[in-house]
Amino acid sequence: MKKRVLVTVCIALIFGACGKKKSVLVGQWLMTLPPAKTAQIEQAYQDNVAEVNKLTNAPEFLIAKYGVSDLDSIKALEIKSFKADYDMAMQPAKSFVWEFTKDGYLLSSNLKQHKTDTVYQYSIEDNNLNLILVPNKKHFTDWGFSDSTSLYIVPTAKDSLLLTRTQGRIVDSFYYVRHKK
């Protein structure tokens, strides 16, 4: 997916470190998981458990992962791992909000920008996460998620962005990034 995407509306959000000193904003949770997303997370968990239960012998990578060769033990450990991911995914209270000033400057001052063909990526130094601005995306499902240490900012409205984070195989958190009024 090596398309070049024009960055238009969101370009102002890129320059957070210009001019005045900005203070780092402490995040807060703005929303709960919508029912459709809760159902999607539940389905992903059930699908993963079903796949594990289908195993008739222990794959080498799971033997190496858990250090045991007994199939029943491996199944139990793998399902326990999926359950931990599921429990984390169902805890949106851990999510944060990053706010922008009305003129489009990010309040947090600890971002470093890296441009790629399709996205603008930011590194947040204090918690070692990445923010990736995906231009011209209407909904997070337009973009593939795989990296558990990545956050993706997706424009949803004139003054609001949707930020999602992945954890393992499922998207675990939703954030809003919005202009500070």
C-alpha atoms as a PDB file:
ATOM      1  CA  MET A   1       0.000   0.000   0.000  1.00  0.00           C
ATOM      2  CA  LYS A   2       2.547   2.515  -1.167  1.00  0.00           C
ATOM      3  CA  LYS A   3       0.131   5.245  -2.284  1.00  0.00           C
ATOM      4  CA  ARG A   4       1.175   8.825  -1.918  1.00  0.00           C
ATOM      5  CA  VAL A   5      -1.484  10.667   0.015  1.00  0.00           C
ATOM      6  CA  LEU A   6      -1.889  14.449  -0.120  1.00  0.00           C
ATOM      7  CA  VAL A   7      -1.832  16.048   3.281  1.00  0.00           C
ATOM      8  CA  THR A   8      -4.211  18.977   3.272  1.00  0.00           C
ATOM      9  CA  VAL A   9      -6.465  19.732   6.212  1.00  0.00           C
ATOM     10  CA  CYS A  10      -4.248  18.138   8.850  1.00  0.00           C
ATOM     11  CA  ILE A  11      -0.997  19.854   7.878  1.00  0.00           C
ATOM     12  CA  ALA A  12      -1.414  22.509  10.581  1.00  0.00           C
ATOM     13  CA  LEU A  13      -1.411  19.823  13.263  1.00  0.00           C
ATOM     14  CA  ILE A  14       2.106  18.790  12.348  1.00  0.00           C
ATOM     15  CA  PHE A  15       3.872  21.867  13.634  1.00  0.00           C
ATOM     16  CA  GLY A  16       3.395  21.608  17.384  1.00  0.00           C
ATOM     17  CA  ALA A  17       6.694  23.042  18.474  1.00  0.00           C
ATOM     18  CA  CYS A  18       6.516  26.466  16.780  1.00  0.00           C
ATOM     19  CA  GLY A  19       6.632  29.784  18.575  1.00  0.00           C
ATOM     20  CA  LYS A  20       5.453  29.891  22.168  1.00  0.00           C
ATOM     21  CA  LYS A  21       6.416  27.264  24.671  1.00  0.00           C
ATOM     22  CA  LYS A  22       3.665  24.669  24.965  1.00  0.00           C
ATOM     23  CA  SER A  23       2.932  22.739  28.141  1.00  0.00           C
ATOM     24  CA  VAL A  24       2.440  18.989  28.086  1.00  0.00           C
ATOM     25  CA  LEU A  25      -1.230  18.164  28.440  1.00  0.00           C
ATOM     26  CA  VAL A  26      -2.308  15.478  30.867  1.00  0.00           C
ATOM     27  CA  GLY A  27      -4.756  13.189  29.113  1.00  0.00           C
ATOM     28  CA  GLN A  28      -8.225  12.238  30.236  1.00  0.00           C
ATOM     29  CA  TRP A  29     -10.795   9.766  28.950  1.00  0.00           C
ATOM     30  CA  LEU A  30     -13.659  11.225  26.894  1.00  0.00           C
ATOM     31  CA  MET A  31     -15.785   8.275  25.851  1.00  0.00           C
ATOM     32  CA  THR A  32     -16.635   4.658  26.487  1.00  0.00           C
ATOM     33  CA  LEU A  33     -16.287   1.920  23.919  1.00  0.00           C
ATOM     34  CA  PRO A  34     -19.269   1.870  21.568  1.00  0.00           C
ATOM     35  CA  PRO A  35     -21.374  -1.341  21.595  1.00  0.00           C
ATOM     36  CA  ALA A  36     -20.274  -2.250  18.057  1.00  0.00           C
ATOM     37  CA  LYS A  37     -16.594  -2.067  19.085  1.00  0.00           C
ATOM     38  CA  THR A  38     -17.259  -4.084  22.242  1.00  0.00           C
ATOM     39  CA  ALA A  39     -18.919  -6.749  20.080  1.00  0.00           C
ATOM     40  CA  GLN A  40     -15.970  -6.691  17.657  1.00  0.00           C
ATOM     41  CA  ILE A  41     -13.465  -7.213  20.478  1.00  0.00           C
ATOM     42  CA  GLU A  42     -15.599 -10.024  21.913  1.00  0.00           C
ATOM     43  CA  GLN A  43     -15.798 -11.690  18.490  1.00  0.00           C
ATOM     44  CA  ALA A  44     -12.031 -11.414  17.966  1.00  0.00           C
ATOM     45  CA  TYR A  45     -11.457 -13.072  21.337  1.00  0.00           C
ATOM     46  CA  GLN A  46     -13.931 -15.887  20.604  1.00  0.00           C
ATOM     47  CA  ASP A  47     -12.388 -16.457  17.143  1.00  0.00           C
ATOM     48  CA  ASN A  48      -8.887 -16.682  18.630  1.00  0.00           C
ATOM     49  CA  VAL A  49     -10.046 -19.157  21.292  1.00  0.00           C
ATOM     50  CA  ALA A  50     -11.810 -21.262  18.645  1.00  0.00           C
ATOM     51  CA  GLU A  51      -8.608 -21.406  16.572  1.00  0.00           C
ATOM     52  CA  VAL A  52      -6.605 -22.592  19.584  1.00  0.00           C
ATOM     53  CA  ASN A  53      -9.201 -25.236  20.431  1.00  0.00           C
ATOM     54  CA  LYS A  54      -8.912 -26.635  16.888  1.00  0.00           C
ATOM     55  CA  LEU A  55      -5.253 -27.551  17.427  1.00  0.00           C
ATOM     56  CA  THR A  56      -4.581 -31.281  17.277  1.00  0.00           C
ATOM     57  CA  ASN A  57      -0.865 -31.019  17.927  1.00  0.00           C
ATOM     58  CA  ALA A  58       1.383 -28.370  19.437  1.00  0.00           C
ATOM     59  CA  PRO A  59       3.043 -26.089  16.851  1.00  0.00           C
ATOM     60  CA  GLU A  60       6.769 -25.529  17.314  1.00  0.00           C
ATOM     61  CA  PHE A  61       6.396 -21.758  17.736  1.00  0.00           C
ATOM     62  CA  LEU A  62       3.981 -22.265  20.657  1.00  0.00           C
ATOM     63  CA  ILE A  63       6.263 -24.857  22.240  1.00  0.00           C
ATOM     64  CA  ALA A  64       9.093 -22.323  21.978  1.00  0.00           C
ATOM     65  CA  LYS A  65       6.855 -19.500  23.236  1.00  0.00           C
ATOM     66  CA  TYR A  66       5.674 -21.283  26.389  1.00  0.00           C
ATOM     67  CA  GLY A  67       8.482 -23.777  26.996  1.00  0.00           C
ATOM     68  CA  VAL A  68       6.095 -26.720  27.304  1.00  0.00           C
ATOM     69  CA  SER A  69       5.128 -29.407  24.791  1.00  0.00           C
ATOM     70  CA  ASP A  70       1.876 -30.693  26.300  1.00  0.00           C
ATOM     71  CA  LEU A  71      -0.984 -29.676  23.971  1.00  0.00           C
ATOM     72  CA  ASP A  72      -3.528 -29.071  26.742  1.00  0.00           C
ATOM     73  CA  SER A  73      -1.081 -26.852  28.642  1.00  0.00           C
ATOM     74  CA  ILE A  74      -0.258 -24.886  25.494  1.00  0.00           C
ATOM     75  CA  LYS A  75      -3.947 -24.370  24.723  1.00  0.00           C
ATOM     76  CA  ALA A  76      -4.599 -23.145  28.269  1.00  0.00           C
ATOM     77  CA  LEU A  77      -1.628 -20.745  28.166  1.00  0.00           C
ATOM     78  CA  GLU A  78      -2.545 -19.373  24.738  1.00  0.00           C
ATOM     79  CA  ILE A  79      -6.174 -18.810  25.757  1.00  0.00           C
ATOM     80  CA  LYS A  80      -4.959 -17.118  28.952  1.00  0.00           C
ATOM     81  CA  SER A  81      -2.836 -14.804  26.775  1.00  0.00           C
ATOM     82  CA  PHE A  82      -5.841 -13.958  24.587  1.00  0.00           C
ATOM     83  CA  LYS A  83      -7.920 -13.328  27.725  1.00  0.00           C
ATOM     84  CA  ALA A  84      -5.310 -10.856  28.995  1.00  0.00           C
ATOM     85  CA  ASP A  85      -5.464  -8.999  25.651  1.00  0.00           C
ATOM     86  CA  TYR A  86      -9.267  -9.057  25.802  1.00  0.00           C
ATOM     87  CA  ASP A  87      -9.371  -7.715  29.360  1.00  0.00           C
ATOM     88  CA  MET A  88      -7.011  -4.893  28.407  1.00  0.00           C
ATOM     89  CA  ALA A  89      -9.088  -4.096  25.334  1.00  0.00           C
ATOM     90  CA  MET A  90     -12.214  -3.759  27.451  1.00  0.00           C
ATOM     91  CA  GLN A  91     -10.664  -1.122  29.733  1.00  0.00           C
ATOM     92  CA  PRO A  92     -11.026   2.178  27.893  1.00  0.00           C
ATOM     93  CA  ALA A  93     -10.499   4.102  31.120  1.00  0.00           C
ATOM     94  CA  LYS A  94      -6.763   3.798  30.476  1.00  0.00           C
ATOM     95  CA  SER A  95      -7.089   6.006  27.404  1.00  0.00           C
ATOM     96  CA  PHE A  96      -5.996   9.603  27.069  1.00  0.00           C
ATOM     97  CA  VAL A  97      -6.834  12.760  25.157  1.00  0.00           C
ATOM     98  CA  TRP A  98      -4.422  15.033  23.347  1.00  0.00           C
ATOM     99  CA  GLU A  99      -5.846  18.477  22.678  1.00  0.00           C
ATOM    100  CA  PHE A 100      -4.905  21.019  20.032  1.00  0.00           C
ATOM    101  CA  THR A 101      -5.185  24.777  20.324  1.00  0.00           C
ATOM    102  CA  LYS A 102      -7.730  26.495  18.106  1.00  0.00           C
ATOM    103  CA  ASP A 103      -5.020  27.461  15.604  1.00  0.00           C
ATOM    104  CA  GLY A 104      -4.038  23.823  15.239  1.00  0.00           C
ATOM    105  CA  TYR A 105      -0.929  23.634  17.407  1.00  0.00           C
ATOM    106  CA  LEU A 106      -0.526  20.552  19.549  1.00  0.00           C
ATOM    107  CA  LEU A 107      -0.247  21.406  23.237  1.00  0.00           C
ATOM    108  CA  SER A 108       2.183  18.591  23.997  1.00  0.00           C
ATOM    109  CA  SER A 109       5.740  19.680  23.267  1.00  0.00           C
ATOM    110  CA  ASN A 110       7.432  16.280  23.323  1.00  0.00           C
ATOM    111  CA  LEU A 111       6.686  15.124  19.765  1.00  0.00           C
ATOM    112  CA  LYS A 112       9.193  14.436  17.009  1.00  0.00           C
ATOM    113  CA  GLN A 113       7.931  14.270  13.433  1.00  0.00           C
ATOM    114  CA  HIS A 114       8.910  11.672  10.821  1.00  0.00           C
ATOM    115  CA  LYS A 115       7.304  11.796   7.374  1.00  0.00           C
ATOM    116  CA  THR A 116       6.713   8.649   5.298  1.00  0.00           C
ATOM    117  CA  ASP A 117       4.947   8.134   1.983  1.00  0.00           C
ATOM    118  CA  THR A 118       1.487   7.897   3.482  1.00  0.00           C
ATOM    119  CA  VAL A 119       1.554   9.124   7.072  1.00  0.00           C
ATOM    120  CA  TYR A 120       3.079  11.574   9.475  1.00  0.00           C
ATOM    121  CA  GLN A 121       4.524   9.748  12.454  1.00  0.00           C
ATOM    122  CA  TYR A 122       5.260  11.307  15.815  1.00  0.00           C
ATOM    123  CA  SER A 123       7.344   9.845  18.616  1.00  0.00           C
ATOM    124  CA  ILE A 124       6.292  10.713  22.153  1.00  0.00           C
ATOM    125  CA  GLU A 125       9.483  10.616  24.152  1.00  0.00           C
ATOM    126  CA  ASP A 126       8.131  10.229  27.664  1.00  0.00           C
ATOM    127  CA  ASN A 127       6.074   7.084  27.143  1.00  0.00           C
ATOM    128  CA  ASN A 128       7.734   5.589  24.070  1.00  0.00           C
ATOM    129  CA  LEU A 129       4.583   5.469  21.950  1.00  0.00           C
ATOM    130  CA  ASN A 130       4.101   6.588  18.369  1.00  0.00           C
ATOM    131  CA  LEU A 131       1.385   8.805  16.968  1.00  0.00           C
ATOM    132  CA  ILE A 132       0.738   8.296  13.282  1.00  0.00           C
ATOM    133  CA  LEU A 133      -1.328  10.896  11.454  1.00  0.00           C
ATOM    134  CA  VAL A 134      -3.120   9.213   8.578  1.00  0.00           C
ATOM    135  CA  PRO A 135      -4.376  11.849   6.121  1.00  0.00           C
ATOM    136  CA  ASN A 136      -7.669  11.536   4.252  1.00  0.00           C
ATOM    137  CA  LYS A 137      -8.913   8.526   6.199  1.00  0.00           C
ATOM    138  CA  LYS A 138     -12.556   8.652   7.178  1.00  0.00           C
ATOM    139  CA  HIS A 139     -12.591   5.768   9.639  1.00  0.00           C
ATOM    140  CA  PHE A 140      -9.958   3.744  11.470  1.00  0.00           C
ATOM    141  CA  THR A 141     -10.893   0.533   9.647  1.00  0.00           C
ATOM    142  CA  ASP A 142      -9.502   2.070   6.460  1.00  0.00           C
ATOM    143  CA  TRP A 143      -6.043   1.460   7.870  1.00  0.00           C
ATOM    144  CA  GLY A 144      -4.476  -1.818   8.997  1.00  0.00           C
ATOM    145  CA  PHE A 145      -3.368  -2.083  12.611  1.00  0.00           C
ATOM    146  CA  SER A 146      -0.642  -4.417  13.758  1.00  0.00           C
ATOM    147  CA  ASP A 147       1.943  -2.722  15.951  1.00  0.00           C
ATOM    148  CA  SER A 148       1.082  -2.834  19.639  1.00  0.00           C
ATOM    149  CA  THR A 149       3.188   0.286  20.291  1.00  0.00           C
ATOM    150  CA  SER A 150       1.547   2.456  17.652  1.00  0.00           C
ATOM    151  CA  LEU A 151      -1.244   4.967  17.854  1.00  0.00           C
ATOM    152  CA  TYR A 152      -3.057   6.088  14.734  1.00  0.00           C
ATOM    153  CA  ILE A 153      -4.716   9.484  14.437  1.00  0.00           C
ATOM    154  CA  VAL A 154      -7.552   9.485  11.934  1.00  0.00           C
ATOM    155  CA  PRO A 155      -9.479  12.657  11.000  1.00  0.00           C
ATOM    156  CA  THR A 156     -13.179  12.350  11.833  1.00  0.00           C
ATOM    157  CA  ALA A 157     -14.411  15.945  11.714  1.00  0.00           C
ATOM    158  CA  LYS A 158     -13.250  19.522  11.261  1.00  0.00           C
ATOM    159  CA  ASP A 159     -12.047  19.865  14.840  1.00  0.00           C
ATOM    160  CA  SER A 160     -11.828  16.276  16.000  1.00  0.00           C
ATOM    161  CA  LEU A 161      -9.570  13.320  15.324  1.00  0.00           C
ATOM    162  CA  LEU A 162     -10.048   9.721  16.359  1.00  0.00           C
ATOM    163  CA  LEU A 163      -6.988   8.077  17.831  1.00  0.00           C
ATOM    164  CA  THR A 164      -6.759   4.309  18.160  1.00  0.00           C
ATOM    165  CA  ARG A 165      -4.141   2.023  19.628  1.00  0.00           C
ATOM    166  CA  THR A 166      -3.594  -1.650  19.011  1.00  0.00           C
ATOM    167  CA  GLN A 167      -2.762  -4.274  21.579  1.00  0.00           C
ATOM    168  CA  GLY A 168      -1.761  -7.614  20.154  1.00  0.00           C
ATOM    169  CA  ARG A 169      -4.373  -8.648  17.599  1.00  0.00           C
ATOM    170  CA  ILE A 170      -7.141  -6.216  18.453  1.00  0.00           C
ATOM    171  CA  VAL A 171      -7.631  -2.473  18.721  1.00  0.00           C
ATOM    172  CA  ASP A 172      -7.777  -1.783  22.431  1.00  0.00           C
ATOM    173  CA  SER A 173      -8.333   1.918  22.948  1.00  0.00           C
ATOM    174  CA  PHE A 174     -10.071   4.904  21.451  1.00  0.00           C
ATOM    175  CA  TYR A 175      -8.979   8.476  21.943  1.00  0.00           C
ATOM    176  CA  TYR A 176     -10.285  11.787  20.737  1.00  0.00           C
ATOM    177  CA  VAL A 177      -7.881  14.512  19.715  1.00  0.00           C
ATOM    178  CA  ARG A 178      -9.728  17.810  19.566  1.00  0.00           C
ATOM    179  CA  HIS A 179      -9.170  21.543  19.474  1.00  0.00           C
ATOM    180  CA  LYS A 180      -8.890  23.207  22.855  1.00  0.00           C
ATOM    181  CA  LYS A 181     -11.756  25.695  23.154  1.00  0.00           C
END
